[in-house]
C-alpha atoms as a PDB file:
ATOM      1  CA  MET A   1      -7.486 -30.274   7.722  1.00  0.00           C
ATOM      2  CA  LEU A   2      -7.330 -29.811  11.475  1.00  0.00           C
ATOM      3  CA  ASN A   3     -10.262 -31.082  13.527  1.00  0.00           C
ATOM      4  CA  GLY A   4     -12.187 -31.357  10.267  1.00  0.00           C
ATOM      5  CA  LYS A   5     -11.660 -27.672   9.489  1.00  0.00           C
ATOM      6  CA  LYS A   6     -10.270 -26.293   6.240  1.00  0.00           C
ATOM      7  CA  ILE A   7      -7.025 -24.440   7.069  1.00  0.00           C
ATOM      8  CA  ILE A   8      -5.686 -21.809   4.675  1.00  0.00           C
ATOM      9  CA  VAL A   9      -2.428 -19.947   5.220  1.00  0.00           C
ATOM     10  CA  VAL A  10      -2.165 -16.342   4.046  1.00  0.00           C
ATOM     11  CA  MET A  11       1.350 -15.051   3.462  1.00  0.00           C
ATOM     12  CA  PRO A  12       1.975 -11.370   2.611  1.00  0.00           C
ATOM     13  CA  ALA A  13       5.240 -11.147   0.674  1.00  0.00           C
ATOM     14  CA  ARG A  14       7.433  -8.527  -0.944  1.00  0.00           C
ATOM     15  CA  ASN A  15      10.922  -9.266  -2.247  1.00  0.00           C
ATOM     16  CA  THR A  16      11.293 -12.406  -0.137  1.00  0.00           C
ATOM     17  CA  ALA A  17      12.924 -14.654  -2.742  1.00  0.00           C
ATOM     18  CA  LYS A  18      15.679 -15.573  -0.264  1.00  0.00           C
ATOM     19  CA  THR A  19      13.285 -16.866   2.382  1.00  0.00           C
ATOM     20  CA  ILE A  20       9.891 -17.719   0.911  1.00  0.00           C
ATOM     21  CA  GLY A  21      11.046 -21.161  -0.224  1.00  0.00           C
ATOM     22  CA  MET A  22      12.155 -22.085   3.294  1.00  0.00           C
ATOM     23  CA  THR A  23       8.921 -20.708   4.707  1.00  0.00           C
ATOM     24  CA  ILE A  24       6.624 -22.612   2.355  1.00  0.00           C
ATOM     25  CA  ASN A  25       8.605 -25.848   2.628  1.00  0.00           C
ATOM     26  CA  ALA A  26       8.343 -25.731   6.432  1.00  0.00           C
ATOM     27  CA  ILE A  27       4.542 -25.505   6.406  1.00  0.00           C
ATOM     28  CA  PRO A  28       3.029 -28.836   7.553  1.00  0.00           C
ATOM     29  CA  ARG A  29       0.925 -29.936   4.588  1.00  0.00           C
ATOM     30  CA  ASP A  30      -0.867 -32.617   6.568  1.00  0.00           C
ATOM     31  CA  CYS A  31      -3.008 -29.954   8.247  1.00  0.00           C
ATOM     32  CA  VAL A  32      -2.831 -27.005   5.822  1.00  0.00           C
ATOM     33  CA  ASP A  33      -5.194 -27.258   2.860  1.00  0.00           C
ATOM     34  CA  GLU A  34      -3.963 -24.288   0.847  1.00  0.00           C
ATOM     35  CA  ILE A  35      -1.318 -21.562   0.888  1.00  0.00           C
ATOM     36  CA  ILE A  36      -2.074 -18.114  -0.507  1.00  0.00           C
ATOM     37  CA  VAL A  37       0.925 -15.894  -1.194  1.00  0.00           C
ATOM     38  CA  VAL A  38       0.090 -12.253  -1.821  1.00  0.00           C
ATOM     39  CA  ASP A  39       3.018 -10.803  -3.767  1.00  0.00           C
ATOM     40  CA  ASP A  40       2.973  -7.056  -3.186  1.00  0.00           C
ATOM     41  CA  LYS A  41       4.762  -6.078  -6.409  1.00  0.00           C
ATOM     42  CA  SER A  42       8.026  -7.899  -5.799  1.00  0.00           C
ATOM     43  CA  SER A  43      10.935  -7.505  -8.198  1.00  0.00           C
ATOM     44  CA  ASP A  44      13.033 -10.531  -7.219  1.00  0.00           C
ATOM     45  CA  GLY A  45      11.164 -13.646  -8.297  1.00  0.00           C
ATOM     46  CA  THR A  46       9.177 -14.159  -5.095  1.00  0.00           C
ATOM     47  CA  SER A  47       6.002 -15.198  -6.923  1.00  0.00           C
ATOM     48  CA  GLU A  48       7.796 -17.635  -9.256  1.00  0.00           C
ATOM     49  CA  ILE A  49       9.332 -19.505  -6.310  1.00  0.00           C
ATOM     50  CA  ALA A  50       5.991 -19.641  -4.484  1.00  0.00           C
ATOM     51  CA  LYS A  51       4.205 -20.997  -7.568  1.00  0.00           C
ATOM     52  CA  LYS A  52       6.800 -23.738  -8.066  1.00  0.00           C
ATOM     53  CA  LEU A  53       6.220 -24.851  -4.483  1.00  0.00           C
ATOM     54  CA  GLY A  54       2.466 -25.187  -4.988  1.00  0.00           C
ATOM     55  CA  ALA A  55       1.165 -21.969  -3.461  1.00  0.00           C
ATOM     56  CA  LYS A  56      -1.675 -19.994  -4.949  1.00  0.00           C
ATOM     57  CA  VAL A  57      -0.120 -16.630  -5.812  1.00  0.00           C
ATOM     58  CA  ILE A  58      -1.920 -13.321  -6.145  1.00  0.00           C
ATOM     59  CA  CYS A  59       0.251 -10.533  -7.583  1.00  0.00           C
ATOM     60  CA  HIS A  60      -0.476  -6.880  -6.922  1.00  0.00           C
ATOM     61  CA  GLU A  61       0.136  -4.763 -10.019  1.00  0.00           C
ATOM     62  CA  THR A  62       0.615  -1.729  -7.758  1.00  0.00           C
ATOM     63  CA  ARG A  63       1.893  -1.791  -4.184  1.00  0.00           C
ATOM     64  CA  LYS A  64      -0.807  -2.122  -1.554  1.00  0.00           C
ATOM     65  CA  TYR A  65       1.592  -2.509   1.380  1.00  0.00           C
ATOM     66  CA  TYR A  66       1.437  -4.855   4.351  1.00  0.00           C
ATOM     67  CA  GLY A  67      -2.147  -4.207   5.409  1.00  0.00           C
ATOM     68  CA  GLY A  68      -3.362  -4.163   1.822  1.00  0.00           C
ATOM     69  CA  ALA A  69      -1.699  -7.536   1.197  1.00  0.00           C
ATOM     70  CA  GLN A  70      -3.507  -9.012   4.187  1.00  0.00           C
ATOM     71  CA  LYS A  71      -6.827  -7.682   2.922  1.00  0.00           C
ATOM     72  CA  THR A  72      -6.274  -9.380  -0.429  1.00  0.00           C
ATOM     73  CA  GLY A  73      -5.272 -12.645   1.230  1.00  0.00           C
ATOM     74  CA  TYR A  74      -8.105 -12.730   3.733  1.00  0.00           C
ATOM     75  CA  LYS A  75     -10.731 -11.998   1.087  1.00  0.00           C
ATOM     76  CA  GLU A  76      -9.393 -14.818  -1.085  1.00  0.00           C
ATOM     77  CA  ALA A  77      -9.203 -17.267   1.832  1.00  0.00           C
ATOM     78  CA  LEU A  78     -12.828 -16.557   2.715  1.00  0.00           C
ATOM     79  CA  ARG A  79     -13.825 -16.954  -0.943  1.00  0.00           C
ATOM     80  CA  LEU A  80     -12.128 -20.353  -1.021  1.00  0.00           C
ATOM     81  CA  GLY A  81     -14.128 -21.521   1.997  1.00  0.00           C
ATOM     82  CA  ALA A  82     -11.497 -21.466   4.737  1.00  0.00           C
ATOM     83  CA  ASP A  83     -12.712 -22.365   8.216  1.00  0.00           C
ATOM     84  CA  VAL A  84      -9.482 -21.138   9.825  1.00  0.00           C
ATOM     85  CA  ILE A  85      -7.170 -18.542   8.284  1.00  0.00           C
ATOM     86  CA  VAL A  86      -3.573 -18.368   9.520  1.00  0.00           C
ATOM     87  CA  MET A  87      -1.366 -15.402   8.655  1.00  0.00           C
ATOM     88  CA  VAL A  88       2.385 -15.886   8.757  1.00  0.00           C
ATOM     89  CA  HIS A  89       5.185 -13.746   7.309  1.00  0.00           C
ATOM     90  CA  ALA A  90       7.252 -14.871   4.323  1.00  0.00           C
ATOM     91  CA  ASP A  91      10.649 -13.894   5.763  1.00  0.00           C
ATOM     92  CA  PHE A  92      11.015 -17.023   7.958  1.00  0.00           C
ATOM     93  CA  GLN A  93      11.056 -14.922  11.133  1.00  0.00           C
ATOM     94  CA  TYR A  94       8.166 -17.003  12.473  1.00  0.00           C
ATOM     95  CA  ASP A  95       8.411 -20.803  12.544  1.00  0.00           C
ATOM     96  CA  PRO A  96       5.842 -22.221  10.067  1.00  0.00           C
ATOM     97  CA  THR A  97       5.987 -25.668  11.685  1.00  0.00           C
ATOM     98  CA  LEU A  98       3.960 -24.193  14.567  1.00  0.00           C
ATOM     99  CA  ILE A  99       0.905 -23.492  12.396  1.00  0.00           C
ATOM    100  CA  PRO A 100      -1.020 -26.452  13.928  1.00  0.00           C
ATOM    101  CA  GLN A 101      -0.438 -25.095  17.444  1.00  0.00           C
ATOM    102  CA  VAL A 102      -1.534 -21.579  16.474  1.00  0.00           C
ATOM    103  CA  ALA A 103      -4.571 -22.794  14.545  1.00  0.00           C
ATOM    104  CA  LYS A 104      -5.696 -25.474  17.012  1.00  0.00           C
ATOM    105  CA  PRO A 105      -7.594 -23.304  19.557  1.00  0.00           C
ATOM    106  CA  VAL A 106      -9.582 -21.797  16.684  1.00  0.00           C
ATOM    107  CA  ALA A 107     -10.137 -25.086  14.856  1.00  0.00           C
ATOM    108  CA  GLU A 108     -11.420 -26.663  18.072  1.00  0.00           C
ATOM    109  CA  GLY A 109     -13.803 -23.771  18.721  1.00  0.00           C
ATOM    110  CA  ARG A 110     -12.082 -22.661  21.922  1.00  0.00           C
ATOM    111  CA  ALA A 111     -11.179 -19.235  20.542  1.00  0.00           C
ATOM    112  CA  ASP A 112     -12.177 -16.878  17.747  1.00  0.00           C
ATOM    113  CA  ALA A 113      -8.571 -15.786  17.225  1.00  0.00           C
ATOM    114  CA  CYS A 114      -5.194 -17.065  18.386  1.00  0.00           C
ATOM    115  CA  PHE A 115      -1.844 -15.283  18.341  1.00  0.00           C
ATOM    116  CA  GLY A 116       1.681 -16.624  18.488  1.00  0.00           C
ATOM    117  CA  SER A 117       3.400 -14.694  21.288  1.00  0.00           C
ATOM    118  CA  ARG A 118       7.156 -14.108  21.494  1.00  0.00           C
ATOM    119  CA  MET A 119       6.609 -12.459  24.877  1.00  0.00           C
ATOM    120  CA  ALA A 120       4.834 -15.307  26.662  1.00  0.00           C
ATOM    121  CA  VAL A 121       8.246 -16.325  28.010  1.00  0.00           C
ATOM    122  CA  LYS A 122       9.832 -12.919  28.562  1.00  0.00           C
ATOM    123  CA  SER A 123      13.467 -13.932  28.176  1.00  0.00           C
ATOM    124  CA  ASP A 124      12.914 -15.733  24.870  1.00  0.00           C
ATOM    125  CA  ALA A 125      12.537 -12.608  22.724  1.00  0.00           C
ATOM    126  CA  ARG A 126      15.982 -11.241  23.566  1.00  0.00           C
ATOM    127  CA  LYS A 127      17.564 -14.689  23.322  1.00  0.00           C
ATOM    128  CA  GLY A 128      16.095 -14.992  19.843  1.00  0.00           C
ATOM    129  CA  GLY A 129      17.857 -11.837  18.693  1.00  0.00           C
ATOM    130  CA  MET A 130      15.139  -9.198  19.073  1.00  0.00           C
ATOM    131  CA  PRO A 131      16.938  -5.820  19.296  1.00  0.00           C
ATOM    132  CA  LEU A 132      16.702  -4.167  22.704  1.00  0.00           C
ATOM    133  CA  TRP A 133      14.972  -1.054  21.378  1.00  0.00           C
ATOM    134  CA  ARG A 134      12.381  -3.190  19.581  1.00  0.00           C
ATOM    135  CA  PHE A 135      11.850  -5.363  22.667  1.00  0.00           C
ATOM    136  CA  ALA A 136      11.313  -2.268  24.865  1.00  0.00           C
ATOM    137  CA  ALA A 137       8.911  -0.707  22.355  1.00  0.00           C
ATOM    138  CA  ASN A 138       6.975  -3.957  21.980  1.00  0.00           C
ATOM    139  CA  ARG A 139       6.609  -4.356  25.743  1.00  0.00           C
ATOM    140  CA  GLY A 140       5.620  -0.724  26.273  1.00  0.00           C
ATOM    141  CA  LEU A 141       3.033  -0.581  23.500  1.00  0.00           C
ATOM    142  CA  THR A 142       1.645  -3.985  24.454  1.00  0.00           C
ATOM    143  CA  ALA A 143       1.142  -2.839  28.062  1.00  0.00           C
ATOM    144  CA  LEU A 144      -0.770   0.224  26.860  1.00  0.00           C
ATOM    145  CA  GLU A 145      -2.854  -1.758  24.389  1.00  0.00           C
ATOM    146  CA  GLU A 146      -3.695  -4.393  26.972  1.00  0.00           C
ATOM    147  CA  PHE A 147      -4.829  -1.635  29.365  1.00  0.00           C
ATOM    148  CA  VAL A 148      -7.140  -0.250  26.664  1.00  0.00           C
ATOM    149  CA  LEU A 149      -8.279  -3.359  24.783  1.00  0.00           C
ATOM    150  CA  GLN A 150      -8.130  -5.961  27.582  1.00  0.00           C
ATOM    151  CA  LEU A 151      -7.679  -8.991  25.354  1.00  0.00           C
ATOM    152  CA  GLY A 152      -5.562 -10.834  27.921  1.00  0.00           C
ATOM    153  CA  ILE A 153      -2.559 -11.520  25.689  1.00  0.00           C
ATOM    154  CA  SER A 154       1.145 -10.906  26.244  1.00  0.00           C
ATOM    155  CA  GLU A 155       2.055  -9.575  22.781  1.00  0.00           C
ATOM    156  CA  TYR A 156       0.099  -7.257  20.500  1.00  0.00           C
ATOM    157  CA  HIS A 157       2.757  -7.039  17.774  1.00  0.00           C
ATOM    158  CA  THR A 158       3.121 -10.536  16.425  1.00  0.00           C
ATOM    159  CA  GLY A 159       2.862 -11.507  12.772  1.00  0.00           C
ATOM    160  CA  TYR A 160       1.582 -14.999  13.596  1.00  0.00           C
ATOM    161  CA  ARG A 161      -2.215 -14.952  13.736  1.00  0.00           C
ATOM    162  CA  ALA A 162      -5.120 -17.352  13.277  1.00  0.00           C
ATOM    163  CA  PHE A 163      -8.758 -16.364  12.829  1.00  0.00           C
ATOM    164  CA  SER A 164     -11.982 -18.273  12.438  1.00  0.00           C
ATOM    165  CA  ARG A 165     -14.001 -17.711   9.300  1.00  0.00           C
ATOM    166  CA  GLU A 166     -16.795 -16.225  11.397  1.00  0.00           C
ATOM    167  CA  THR A 167     -14.419 -13.712  12.986  1.00  0.00           C
ATOM    168  CA  LEU A 168     -12.945 -12.360   9.748  1.00  0.00           C
ATOM    169  CA  SER A 169     -16.427 -12.241   8.222  1.00  0.00           C
ATOM    170  CA  ALA A 170     -17.703 -10.143  11.116  1.00  0.00           C
ATOM    171  CA  ILE A 171     -14.942  -7.554  11.503  1.00  0.00           C
ATOM    172  CA  PRO A 172     -14.700  -4.784   8.876  1.00  0.00           C
ATOM    173  CA  PHE A 173     -10.988  -5.276   8.178  1.00  0.00           C
ATOM    174  CA  ILE A 174     -11.430  -3.751   4.712  1.00  0.00           C
ATOM    175  CA  LYS A 175     -11.815  -0.361   6.454  1.00  0.00           C
ATOM    176  CA  ASN A 176      -8.401  -0.717   8.103  1.00  0.00           C
ATOM    177  CA  SER A 177      -5.145   0.923   7.091  1.00  0.00           C
ATOM    178  CA  ASP A 178      -2.976  -0.543   4.341  1.00  0.00           C
ATOM    179  CA  ASP A 179       0.079   0.095   6.518  1.00  0.00           C
ATOM    180  CA  TYR A 180       1.567  -1.875   9.437  1.00  0.00           C
ATOM    181  CA  VAL A 181      -1.036  -0.457  11.844  1.00  0.00           C
ATOM    182  CA  PHE A 182      -3.564  -2.765  10.143  1.00  0.00           C
ATOM    183  CA  ASP A 183      -2.504  -5.352  12.727  1.00  0.00           C
ATOM    184  CA  THR A 184      -3.365  -3.041  15.627  1.00  0.00           C
ATOM    185  CA  GLU A 185      -6.740  -2.169  14.124  1.00  0.00           C
ATOM    186  CA  ILE A 186      -7.597  -5.876  13.872  1.00  0.00           C
ATOM    187  CA  LEU A 187      -6.937  -6.215  17.615  1.00  0.00           C
ATOM    188  CA  ALA A 188      -9.116  -3.218  18.395  1.00  0.00           C
ATOM    189  CA  GLU A 189     -11.908  -4.733  16.312  1.00  0.00           C
ATOM    190  CA  LEU A 190     -11.598  -8.021  18.195  1.00  0.00           C
ATOM    191  CA  SER A 191     -11.969  -6.116  21.444  1.00  0.00           C
ATOM    192  CA  ALA A 192     -14.905  -4.086  20.145  1.00  0.00           C
ATOM    193  CA  GLY A 193     -16.695  -7.287  19.144  1.00  0.00           C
ATOM    194  CA  ASN A 194     -15.923  -9.131  22.399  1.00  0.00           C
ATOM    195  CA  PHE A 195     -14.319 -11.991  20.520  1.00  0.00           C
ATOM    196  CA  ARG A 196     -12.580 -14.803  22.383  1.00  0.00           C
ATOM    197  CA  VAL A 197      -8.833 -14.338  22.000  1.00  0.00           C
ATOM    198  CA  THR A 198      -6.013 -16.597  23.145  1.00  0.00           C
ATOM    199  CA  GLU A 199      -2.307 -17.066  22.439  1.00  0.00           C
ATOM    200  CA  VAL A 200       0.387 -19.733  22.304  1.00  0.00           C
ATOM    201  CA  PRO A 201       4.099 -19.174  22.985  1.00  0.00           C
ATOM    202  CA  ILE A 202       6.400 -19.137  19.952  1.00  0.00           C
ATOM    203  CA  PRO A 203      10.178 -18.702  19.668  1.00  0.00           C
ATOM    204  CA  THR A 204      11.810 -15.510  18.443  1.00  0.00           C
ATOM    205  CA  ARG A 205      14.309 -15.630  15.624  1.00  0.00           C
ATOM    206  CA  TYR A 206      15.685 -12.535  13.969  1.00  0.00           C
ATOM    207  CA  ARG A 207      17.675 -13.027  10.767  1.00  0.00           C
ATOM    208  CA  ASN A 208      19.673 -10.676   8.553  1.00  0.00           C
ATOM    209  CA  ASP A 209      16.923 -10.950   5.933  1.00  0.00           C
ATOM    210  CA  SER A 210      14.013 -10.411   8.344  1.00  0.00           C
ATOM    211  CA  GLN A 211      11.698  -7.677   7.107  1.00  0.00           C
ATOM    212  CA  SER A 212      10.619  -5.909  10.289  1.00  0.00           C
ATOM    213  CA  PRO A 213      10.069  -2.134  10.128  1.00  0.00           C
ATOM    214  CA  ASN A 214      13.224  -0.109  10.692  1.00  0.00           C
ATOM    215  CA  PHE A 215      13.593   2.305  13.618  1.00  0.00           C
ATOM    216  CA  TRP A 216      11.840   5.294  12.027  1.00  0.00           C
ATOM    217  CA  GLN A 217       9.107   3.138  10.508  1.00  0.00           C
ATOM    218  CA  SER A 218       8.614   1.683  13.984  1.00  0.00           C
ATOM    219  CA  VAL A 219       8.325   5.174  15.488  1.00  0.00           C
ATOM    220  CA  ALA A 220       5.627   6.042  12.935  1.00  0.00           C
ATOM    221  CA  TYR A 221       3.904   2.728  13.644  1.00  0.00           C
ATOM    222  CA  GLY A 222       3.984   3.423  17.386  1.00  0.00           C
ATOM    223  CA  LEU A 223       2.372   6.821  16.899  1.00  0.00           C
ATOM    224  CA  ARG A 224      -0.314   5.321  14.668  1.00  0.00           C
ATOM    225  CA  THR A 225      -0.933   2.659  17.310  1.00  0.00           C
ATOM    226  CA  LEU A 226      -1.547   5.395  19.869  1.00  0.00           C
ATOM    227  CA  GLY A 227      -3.975   6.953  17.399  1.00  0.00           C
ATOM    228  CA  VAL A 228      -5.903   3.692  17.123  1.00  0.00           C
ATOM    229  CA  MET A 229      -6.144   3.467  20.918  1.00  0.00           C
ATOM    230  CA  LEU A 230      -7.532   7.009  21.057  1.00  0.00           C
ATOM    231  CA  LYS A 231     -10.112   6.281  18.361  1.00  0.00           C
ATOM    232  CA  PHE A 232     -11.126   3.076  20.139  1.00  0.00           C
ATOM    233  CA  LEU A 233     -11.678   4.900  23.443  1.00  0.00           C
ATOM    234  CA  LEU A 234     -13.656   7.684  21.771  1.00  0.00           C
ATOM    235  CA  HIS A 235     -15.847   5.043  20.126  1.00  0.00           C
ATOM    236  CA  LYS A 236     -16.188   2.930  23.269  1.00  0.00           C
ATOM    237  CA  TYR A 237     -17.404   5.847  25.372  1.00  0.00           C
ATOM    238  CA  GLY A 238     -19.740   7.210  22.703  1.00  0.00           C
ATOM    239  CA  LEU A 239     -17.807  10.399  22.017  1.00  0.00           C
ATOM    240  CA  LYS A 240     -17.301   9.625  18.340  1.00  0.00           C
ATOM    241  CA  SER A 241     -18.381   6.755  16.126  1.00  0.00           C
ATOM    242  CA  TYR A 242     -15.979   4.857  13.869  1.00  0.00           C
ATOM    243  CA  GLN A 243     -17.325   2.381  11.308  1.00  0.00           C
ATOM    244  CA  GLN A 244     -14.397   0.020  11.747  1.00  0.00           C
ATOM    245  CA  PHE A 245     -15.376  -0.600  15.378  1.00  0.00           C
ATOM    246  CA  ILE A 246     -19.004  -1.398  14.572  1.00  0.00           C
ATOM    247  CA  ILE A 247     -19.007  -5.184  14.566  1.00  0.00           C
ATOM    248  CA  ASN A 248     -21.856  -7.169  13.004  1.00  0.00           C
ATOM    249  CA  ARG A 249     -21.622 -10.677  14.424  1.00  0.00           C
ATOM    250  CA  ASP A 250     -24.498 -11.730  12.126  1.00  0.00           C
ATOM    251  CA  ASN A 251     -22.096 -11.508   9.162  1.00  0.00           C
ATOM    252  CA  GLY A 252     -20.133 -14.393  10.654  1.00  0.00           C
END
């Protein structure tokens, strides 16, 4: 526990047998109460490794993709009574030892959601091996999203995220995409609900076995992100209503 709060880690995973052991072993067990690995139809023994290391494993019989894996994990974390839910990737791109720092603002009630930002110190991302094209795209999309959503954070494309139970209960994340743009839709929902959002700086480390979207997947993701911004603005100014941006804080 952290500040008396039950902390559950949700880890979407697909074919991460080479890295999931390192990721789970690096998680500080003195503050994390449970680890949920959502195996999105892996074929390389990912789930077996996670089980041996004490994680609760949920296996998808059919692929539900990155967003779908998060939906499964978040629903299970809420069912198990998590007070704070932390999402971290299984490919060891994000440092699991920083989970207490990412979860702390939420556990202490200072924020409804906290993000680990690789852009808080601008030079760190490139030093950590982030490709130039990915760095430029991240910065450009983040600037646009910050202009629209106004959450006051330096990176909108991080896979290190912590949410309070009340926040995930209130936002209709089930209505989001099953693809990578799920992450963007979560941010738009946080903005629509006027949730308190903060961030902490984290290091960047790109590895040969990191599972980031490739160039063309990133192009598609960028276009979908622009689509989410358009939908958010249409909803915000009453031109069209979208159920995913109707936030019921009473559910939290």
